[in-house]
């Protein structure tokens, strides 16, 4: 019998290699397993940036790329504070608010819970980036999906900050504030009721959240915050990148051509709202600058934007699943355009 001791390798390990001791730190176990972690990836990226800093500096000096960078950064700067607010509020709802609270706060009948949840958006200042994780937490706490989705659509559009910004952006058209608030509230309620009628539970796939079962509420809170920042923040970055790319590629001269046709101008600004992916606290100033378009067209821009845009669709796909996002977003777009046009015809 040979006196050499052979270590039996676990599955996936090269033969002859001794396994890491069970009490070894996580980094050591990863090293013994030959895996590459996020620290190694970050170090490699930093090295590549140092090596290729000269060609990167030349590329960044190109005007179109500078415009892309400016749009991307501006979207992120606008959205991140409200995303952080929404993530913290989402974690509070998920960890500290008991399920029984929602049974008492909202009407028991789902059809009545929809307008109640829509009206709750008035008292919760926030952007659509923060409303997505909040709506996910509401569903996990037992709130009917129709009510949570109504809140998701209403909160970014009818809260006091957004309505005040609209009043400042349109000082000579105070009716825009009423038209935006009323139209957005109607869209949120209609979509909630449509979900009650046509929605299916298997269209929503909320990610599993085992970290929320932690015995310590403090640990569960921070675990929920880390999860939502990573999950929602990643999709926000993808949406902002797509919006910046489209912003650079669409020629500005097309806008004036579209503005000359009443119906095309409505559709053009609706699509533009989706592509630009502006934060709802800032979109009123962009709409006011599009003075070549009618007030109704700009109202459509203000109603559609907080409810359907590239970053929001990306975040909805990440939080609720792609099957949900690819059904909910087009329907919301159509309802928002129709309601905004109707509100513009009556109030503007």
Protein backbone atom coordinates (compact mmCIF):
# COMPACT_ATOMS: atom_id res chain seq x y z
CA UNK A 1 0.00 0.00 0.00
CA UNK A 2 1.32 3.43 -0.90
CA UNK A 3 2.16 5.71 1.99
CA UNK A 4 1.16 8.81 0.00
CA UNK A 5 -2.17 10.22 1.01
CA UNK A 6 -4.41 11.19 -1.89
CA UNK A 7 -7.05 13.82 -1.22
CA UNK A 8 -10.35 12.95 -2.80
CA UNK A 9 -11.39 15.98 -4.80
CA UNK A 10 -14.96 17.21 -4.50
CA UNK A 11 -17.02 17.42 -7.69
CA UNK A 12 -15.72 20.13 -10.01
CA UNK A 13 -12.26 20.25 -8.31
CA UNK A 14 -9.07 19.16 -10.13
CA UNK A 15 -7.75 15.81 -8.78
CA UNK A 16 -4.94 16.01 -6.28
CA UNK A 17 -5.91 19.43 -4.94
CA UNK A 18 -6.69 19.61 -1.26
CA UNK A 19 -10.02 21.23 -0.47
CA UNK A 20 -10.11 24.46 1.46
CA UNK A 21 -10.70 23.99 5.18
CA UNK A 22 -14.36 24.35 6.11
CA UNK A 23 -13.67 27.32 8.33
CA UNK A 24 -11.70 29.17 5.64
CA UNK A 25 -12.89 32.69 4.78
CA UNK A 26 -15.25 33.07 1.83
CA UNK A 27 -12.55 34.69 -0.30
CA UNK A 28 -10.21 31.74 0.33
CA UNK A 29 -12.89 29.25 -0.62
CA UNK A 30 -13.50 31.21 -3.81
CA UNK A 31 -9.76 31.25 -4.52
CA UNK A 32 -9.44 27.49 -4.00
CA UNK A 33 -12.46 26.96 -6.22
CA UNK A 34 -10.90 29.01 -8.99
CA UNK A 35 -13.82 31.43 -9.22
CA UNK A 36 -13.56 35.07 -10.19
CA UNK A 37 -15.48 37.48 -7.99
CA UNK A 38 -16.60 41.09 -8.37
CA UNK A 39 -13.40 42.41 -6.76
CA UNK A 40 -11.26 40.70 -9.39
CA UNK A 41 -13.49 41.99 -12.20
CA UNK A 42 -13.28 45.57 -10.84
CA UNK A 43 -9.49 45.32 -10.55
CA UNK A 44 -9.23 44.08 -14.14
CA UNK A 45 -11.41 46.96 -15.39
CA UNK A 46 -9.27 49.51 -13.55
CA UNK A 47 -6.12 48.06 -15.10
CA UNK A 48 -7.67 48.20 -18.58
CA UNK A 49 -8.73 51.83 -18.02
CA UNK A 50 -5.16 52.75 -17.08
CA UNK A 51 -3.70 50.94 -20.10
CA UNK A 52 -6.16 52.39 -22.63
CA UNK A 53 -6.60 55.84 -21.07
CA UNK A 54 -5.21 57.67 -24.12
CA UNK A 55 -7.59 56.20 -26.77
CA UNK A 56 -10.48 56.48 -24.30
CA UNK A 57 -9.78 60.18 -23.77
CA UNK A 58 -9.75 60.72 -27.55
CA UNK A 59 -13.05 58.85 -27.96
CA UNK A 60 -14.74 60.82 -25.17
CA UNK A 61 -13.81 64.09 -26.90
CA UNK A 62 -16.11 63.24 -29.84
CA UNK A 63 -19.16 65.58 -29.70
CA UNK A 64 -21.82 62.89 -30.14
CA UNK A 65 -20.30 60.80 -27.39
CA UNK A 66 -20.16 63.86 -25.15
CA UNK A 67 -23.87 64.42 -25.78
CA UNK A 68 -24.59 60.77 -25.00
CA UNK A 69 -22.63 61.03 -21.75
CA UNK A 70 -24.41 64.24 -20.77
CA UNK A 71 -27.88 62.72 -21.33
CA UNK A 72 -26.97 59.51 -19.53
CA UNK A 73 -25.53 61.32 -16.52
CA UNK A 74 -28.45 63.75 -16.35
CA UNK A 75 -30.99 60.89 -16.28
CA UNK A 76 -29.04 59.11 -13.58
CA UNK A 77 -28.58 62.26 -11.49
CA UNK A 78 -32.31 62.99 -11.68
CA UNK A 79 -33.40 59.44 -10.96
CA UNK A 80 -30.97 58.08 -8.37
CA UNK A 81 -32.10 60.22 -5.37
CA UNK A 82 -35.72 59.21 -5.94
CA UNK A 83 -34.71 55.60 -6.55
CA UNK A 84 -32.92 55.67 -3.19
CA UNK A 85 -36.02 57.14 -1.52
CA UNK A 86 -38.19 54.45 -3.08
CA UNK A 87 -35.79 51.67 -2.12
CA UNK A 88 -35.70 52.77 1.52
CA UNK A 89 -39.47 53.15 1.65
CA UNK A 90 -39.85 49.75 -0.01
CA UNK A 91 -37.63 48.15 2.63
CA UNK A 92 -39.62 49.83 5.41
CA UNK A 93 -42.86 48.50 3.93
CA UNK A 94 -41.41 45.01 3.45
CA UNK A 95 -39.88 44.67 6.92
CA UNK A 96 -41.59 46.96 9.43
CA UNK A 97 -45.17 47.35 8.20
CA UNK A 98 -47.34 44.38 9.28
CA UNK A 99 -49.61 42.73 6.77
CA UNK A 100 -52.63 43.62 8.89
CA UNK A 101 -52.00 47.34 8.26
CA UNK A 102 -52.89 47.10 4.58
CA UNK A 103 -56.05 45.18 5.33
CA UNK A 104 -57.14 48.12 7.50
CA UNK A 105 -55.77 50.96 5.34
CA UNK A 106 -57.34 49.91 2.04
CA UNK A 107 -60.96 48.98 1.31
CA UNK A 108 -61.53 45.24 1.31
CA UNK A 109 -63.18 45.28 -2.11
CA UNK A 110 -60.44 45.34 -4.81
CA UNK A 111 -62.43 47.71 -7.04
CA UNK A 112 -62.55 50.27 -4.22
CA UNK A 113 -58.92 49.70 -3.23
CA UNK A 114 -57.79 50.89 -6.67
CA UNK A 115 -58.89 54.57 -6.32
CA UNK A 116 -57.71 54.60 -2.70
CA UNK A 117 -54.24 53.43 -3.71
CA UNK A 118 -54.20 55.90 -6.60
CA UNK A 119 -55.01 58.79 -4.27
CA UNK A 120 -52.19 57.67 -1.94
CA UNK A 121 -49.76 58.85 -4.61
CA UNK A 122 -50.61 62.44 -3.67
CA UNK A 123 -48.96 62.14 -0.25
CA UNK A 124 -45.87 60.17 -1.29
CA UNK A 125 -43.44 62.37 -3.26
CA UNK A 126 -41.37 60.21 -5.54
CA UNK A 127 -40.25 59.34 -9.02
CA UNK A 128 -41.26 56.34 -11.09
CA UNK A 129 -37.87 54.81 -10.26
CA UNK A 130 -38.84 54.61 -6.59
CA UNK A 131 -42.46 53.61 -7.21
CA UNK A 132 -41.50 50.30 -8.83
CA UNK A 133 -39.84 48.69 -5.78
CA UNK A 134 -42.55 50.18 -3.53
CA UNK A 135 -45.27 48.52 -5.62
CA UNK A 136 -43.39 45.22 -5.39
CA UNK A 137 -43.27 45.49 -1.60
CA UNK A 138 -46.97 46.31 -1.45
CA UNK A 139 -47.76 43.12 -3.36
CA UNK A 140 -45.58 41.09 -1.02
CA UNK A 141 -47.44 42.54 1.96
CA UNK A 142 -50.75 41.30 0.65
CA UNK A 143 -52.02 44.34 -1.28
CA UNK A 144 -54.04 43.32 -4.33
CA UNK A 145 -51.92 43.75 -7.50
CA UNK A 146 -54.53 46.06 -9.05
CA UNK A 147 -54.18 48.54 -6.17
CA UNK A 148 -50.37 48.29 -6.14
CA UNK A 149 -50.21 48.92 -9.89
CA UNK A 150 -52.56 51.90 -9.58
CA UNK A 151 -50.22 53.36 -6.97
CA UNK A 152 -47.24 52.59 -9.24
CA UNK A 153 -48.74 54.75 -12.00
CA UNK A 154 -50.23 57.53 -9.88
CA UNK A 155 -47.42 58.27 -7.42
CA UNK A 156 -44.88 59.67 -9.93
CA UNK A 157 -47.47 61.85 -11.69
CA UNK A 158 -49.76 63.43 -9.08
CA UNK A 159 -47.52 64.01 -6.08
CA UNK A 160 -47.05 67.63 -4.86
CA UNK A 161 -43.49 67.98 -6.14
CA UNK A 162 -44.46 67.09 -9.71
CA UNK A 163 -47.55 69.30 -9.74
CA UNK A 164 -45.58 72.23 -8.30
CA UNK A 165 -42.88 71.77 -10.95
CA UNK A 166 -45.59 71.77 -13.63
CA UNK A 167 -47.03 75.02 -12.29
CA UNK A 168 -43.58 76.63 -12.35
CA UNK A 169 -42.86 75.38 -15.88
CA UNK A 170 -46.22 76.64 -17.23
CA UNK A 171 -46.80 79.93 -15.37
CA UNK A 172 -49.17 81.22 -18.07
CA UNK A 173 -51.14 77.97 -18.31
CA UNK A 174 -52.26 76.96 -14.80
CA UNK A 175 -54.84 74.65 -16.36
CA UNK A 176 -51.94 72.32 -17.27
CA UNK A 177 -51.57 71.42 -13.59
CA UNK A 178 -55.23 70.39 -13.28
CA UNK A 179 -55.18 68.58 -16.62
CA UNK A 180 -52.02 66.63 -15.76
CA UNK A 181 -53.17 65.64 -12.28
CA UNK A 182 -56.68 64.63 -13.35
CA UNK A 183 -55.59 62.73 -16.46
CA UNK A 184 -52.87 60.84 -14.59
CA UNK A 185 -55.25 59.88 -11.79
CA UNK A 186 -57.81 58.59 -14.30
CA UNK A 187 -55.20 56.52 -16.15
CA UNK A 188 -53.99 54.95 -12.89
CA UNK A 189 -57.52 53.97 -11.86
CA UNK A 190 -58.45 52.68 -15.32
CA UNK A 191 -55.33 50.49 -15.45
CA UNK A 192 -56.05 49.15 -11.96
CA UNK A 193 -59.60 48.23 -12.93
CA UNK A 194 -58.41 46.73 -16.22
CA UNK A 195 -56.03 44.53 -14.27
CA UNK A 196 -58.90 43.37 -12.08
CA UNK A 197 -60.85 42.46 -15.19
CA UNK A 198 -58.17 41.09 -17.52
CA UNK A 199 -54.99 40.55 -15.49
CA UNK A 200 -53.64 37.14 -14.57
CA UNK A 201 -51.65 36.29 -11.48
CA UNK A 202 -49.10 34.22 -13.42
CA UNK A 203 -48.06 37.30 -15.41
CA UNK A 204 -46.38 38.72 -12.30
CA UNK A 205 -43.26 36.94 -11.10
CA UNK A 206 -41.93 38.73 -8.04
CA UNK A 207 -38.35 37.70 -7.17
CA UNK A 208 -37.99 35.51 -4.11
CA UNK A 209 -36.86 37.46 -1.06
CA UNK A 210 -35.48 34.94 1.48
CA UNK A 211 -33.51 37.72 3.18
CA UNK A 212 -36.78 39.18 4.48
CA UNK A 213 -37.32 36.08 6.63
CA UNK A 214 -34.31 36.99 8.79
CA UNK A 215 -35.10 37.02 12.50
CA UNK A 216 -33.47 40.43 12.91
CA UNK A 217 -35.47 43.28 11.37
CA UNK A 218 -32.37 45.44 11.06
CA UNK A 219 -30.51 42.83 9.03
CA UNK A 220 -33.60 42.15 6.92
CA UNK A 221 -33.99 45.90 6.25
CA UNK A 222 -30.44 46.34 4.94
CA UNK A 223 -30.65 43.11 2.96
CA UNK A 224 -33.81 44.42 1.28
CA UNK A 225 -32.12 47.76 0.53
CA UNK A 226 -29.08 46.06 -1.02
CA UNK A 227 -31.29 43.78 -3.11
CA UNK A 228 -33.45 46.60 -4.51
CA UNK A 229 -30.50 48.93 -5.19
CA UNK A 230 -28.71 46.19 -7.13
CA UNK A 231 -31.80 44.95 -8.95
CA UNK A 232 -33.65 48.17 -9.76
CA UNK A 233 -30.45 50.20 -10.15
CA UNK A 234 -29.09 47.83 -12.79
CA UNK A 235 -32.20 48.14 -14.93
CA UNK A 236 -32.17 51.90 -14.41
CA UNK A 237 -28.65 52.03 -15.88
CA UNK A 238 -29.74 49.96 -18.90
CA UNK A 239 -32.76 52.17 -19.50
CA UNK A 240 -30.71 55.35 -19.16
CA UNK A 241 -28.17 54.01 -21.67
CA UNK A 242 -30.92 53.21 -24.18
CA UNK A 243 -32.55 56.62 -23.71
CA UNK A 244 -29.23 58.43 -24.18
CA UNK A 245 -28.50 56.45 -27.37
CA UNK A 246 -31.88 57.31 -28.90
CA UNK A 247 -31.56 60.94 -27.83
CA UNK A 248 -28.35 61.24 -29.82
CA UNK A 249 -29.63 59.37 -32.89
CA UNK A 250 -32.94 61.25 -33.41
CA UNK A 251 -32.38 64.44 -35.52
CA UNK A 252 -33.84 67.59 -33.98
CA UNK A 253 -35.23 68.82 -37.32
CA UNK A 254 -37.78 66.03 -37.23
CA UNK A 255 -39.53 67.68 -34.30
CA UNK A 256 -40.66 70.75 -36.22
CA UNK A 257 -41.97 68.63 -39.08
CA UNK A 258 -44.05 66.54 -36.68
CA UNK A 259 -45.35 69.57 -34.78
CA UNK A 260 -47.13 70.86 -37.87
CA UNK A 261 -49.54 67.89 -37.85
CA UNK A 262 -51.96 67.78 -34.88
CA UNK A 263 -52.32 63.98 -34.67
CA UNK A 264 -48.72 63.21 -35.50
CA UNK A 265 -47.57 65.72 -32.89
CA UNK A 266 -49.55 63.86 -30.20
CA UNK A 267 -48.04 60.51 -31.15
CA UNK A 268 -44.59 62.03 -31.59
CA UNK A 269 -44.49 63.51 -28.09
CA UNK A 270 -45.96 60.32 -26.61
CA UNK A 271 -43.17 58.28 -28.20
CA UNK A 272 -40.61 60.95 -27.28
CA UNK A 273 -41.68 60.70 -23.63
CA UNK A 274 -41.03 56.96 -23.74
CA UNK A 275 -37.63 57.37 -25.38
CA UNK A 276 -36.28 60.27 -23.33
CA UNK A 277 -37.05 58.55 -19.98
CA UNK A 278 -37.08 61.79 -18.02
CA UNK A 279 -37.74 61.88 -14.30
CA UNK A 280 -41.26 63.13 -13.54
CA UNK A 281 -39.88 65.95 -11.39
CA UNK A 282 -38.05 67.38 -14.43
CA UNK A 283 -40.19 66.53 -17.46
CA UNK A 284 -42.44 69.61 -17.17
CA UNK A 285 -39.54 71.91 -17.99
CA UNK A 286 -38.68 69.84 -21.07
CA UNK A 287 -42.34 69.94 -22.16
CA UNK A 288 -42.46 73.71 -21.69
CA UNK A 289 -39.41 74.08 -23.94
CA UNK A 290 -41.20 72.27 -26.80
CA UNK A 291 -43.14 75.43 -27.61
CA UNK A 292 -43.68 74.47 -31.25
CA UNK A 293 -46.13 71.77 -30.10
CA UNK A 294 -49.69 72.31 -28.89
CA UNK A 295 -50.64 72.24 -25.21
CA UNK A 296 -52.54 68.98 -25.73
CA UNK A 297 -49.48 67.34 -27.27
CA UNK A 298 -47.36 68.48 -24.36
CA UNK A 299 -49.98 67.21 -21.91
CA UNK A 300 -49.70 63.78 -23.56
CA UNK A 301 -45.94 64.01 -23.04
CA UNK A 302 -46.45 64.74 -19.33
CA UNK A 303 -49.01 61.98 -18.77
CA UNK A 304 -47.23 59.23 -20.70
CA UNK A 305 -43.69 59.91 -19.46
CA UNK A 306 -44.06 59.00 -15.75
CA UNK A 307 -46.00 55.85 -16.62
CA UNK A 308 -44.22 54.39 -19.67
CA UNK A 309 -40.58 54.97 -20.57
CA UNK A 310 -37.54 52.87 -21.38
CA UNK A 311 -36.03 52.79 -17.91
CA UNK A 312 -39.42 52.13 -16.31
CA UNK A 313 -40.14 49.22 -18.67
CA UNK A 314 -36.70 47.80 -17.88
CA UNK A 315 -37.28 48.12 -14.14
CA UNK A 316 -40.76 46.60 -14.36
CA UNK A 317 -39.33 43.66 -16.28
CA UNK A 318 -36.75 43.20 -13.53
CA UNK A 319 -39.16 43.47 -10.59
CA UNK A 320 -42.35 41.90 -11.98
CA UNK A 321 -41.08 39.83 -14.92
CA UNK A 322 -40.96 40.31 -18.67
CA UNK A 323 -44.37 38.74 -19.29
CA UNK A 324 -45.91 41.46 -17.16
CA UNK A 325 -43.91 44.38 -18.57
CA UNK A 326 -44.55 43.51 -22.22
CA UNK A 327 -48.31 43.46 -21.61
CA UNK A 328 -48.69 46.25 -19.07
CA UNK A 329 -46.53 48.92 -20.76
CA UNK A 330 -48.25 48.96 -24.21
CA UNK A 331 -51.70 48.97 -22.61
CA UNK A 332 -50.74 51.81 -20.28
CA UNK A 333 -49.33 53.75 -23.23
CA UNK A 334 -52.59 53.48 -25.20
CA UNK A 335 -54.80 54.39 -22.23
CA UNK A 336 -52.54 57.33 -21.26
CA UNK A 337 -52.61 58.80 -24.78
CA UNK A 338 -56.41 58.52 -25.07
CA UNK A 339 -57.10 59.97 -21.62
CA UNK A 340 -54.59 62.82 -22.07
CA UNK A 341 -56.08 63.78 -25.44
CA UNK A 342 -59.54 63.79 -23.88
CA UNK A 343 -58.40 65.89 -20.94
CA UNK A 344 -56.67 68.31 -23.30
CA UNK A 345 -59.81 68.71 -25.38
CA UNK A 346 -61.89 69.52 -22.29
CA UNK A 347 -59.51 71.51 -20.09
CA UNK A 348 -56.98 73.18 -22.43
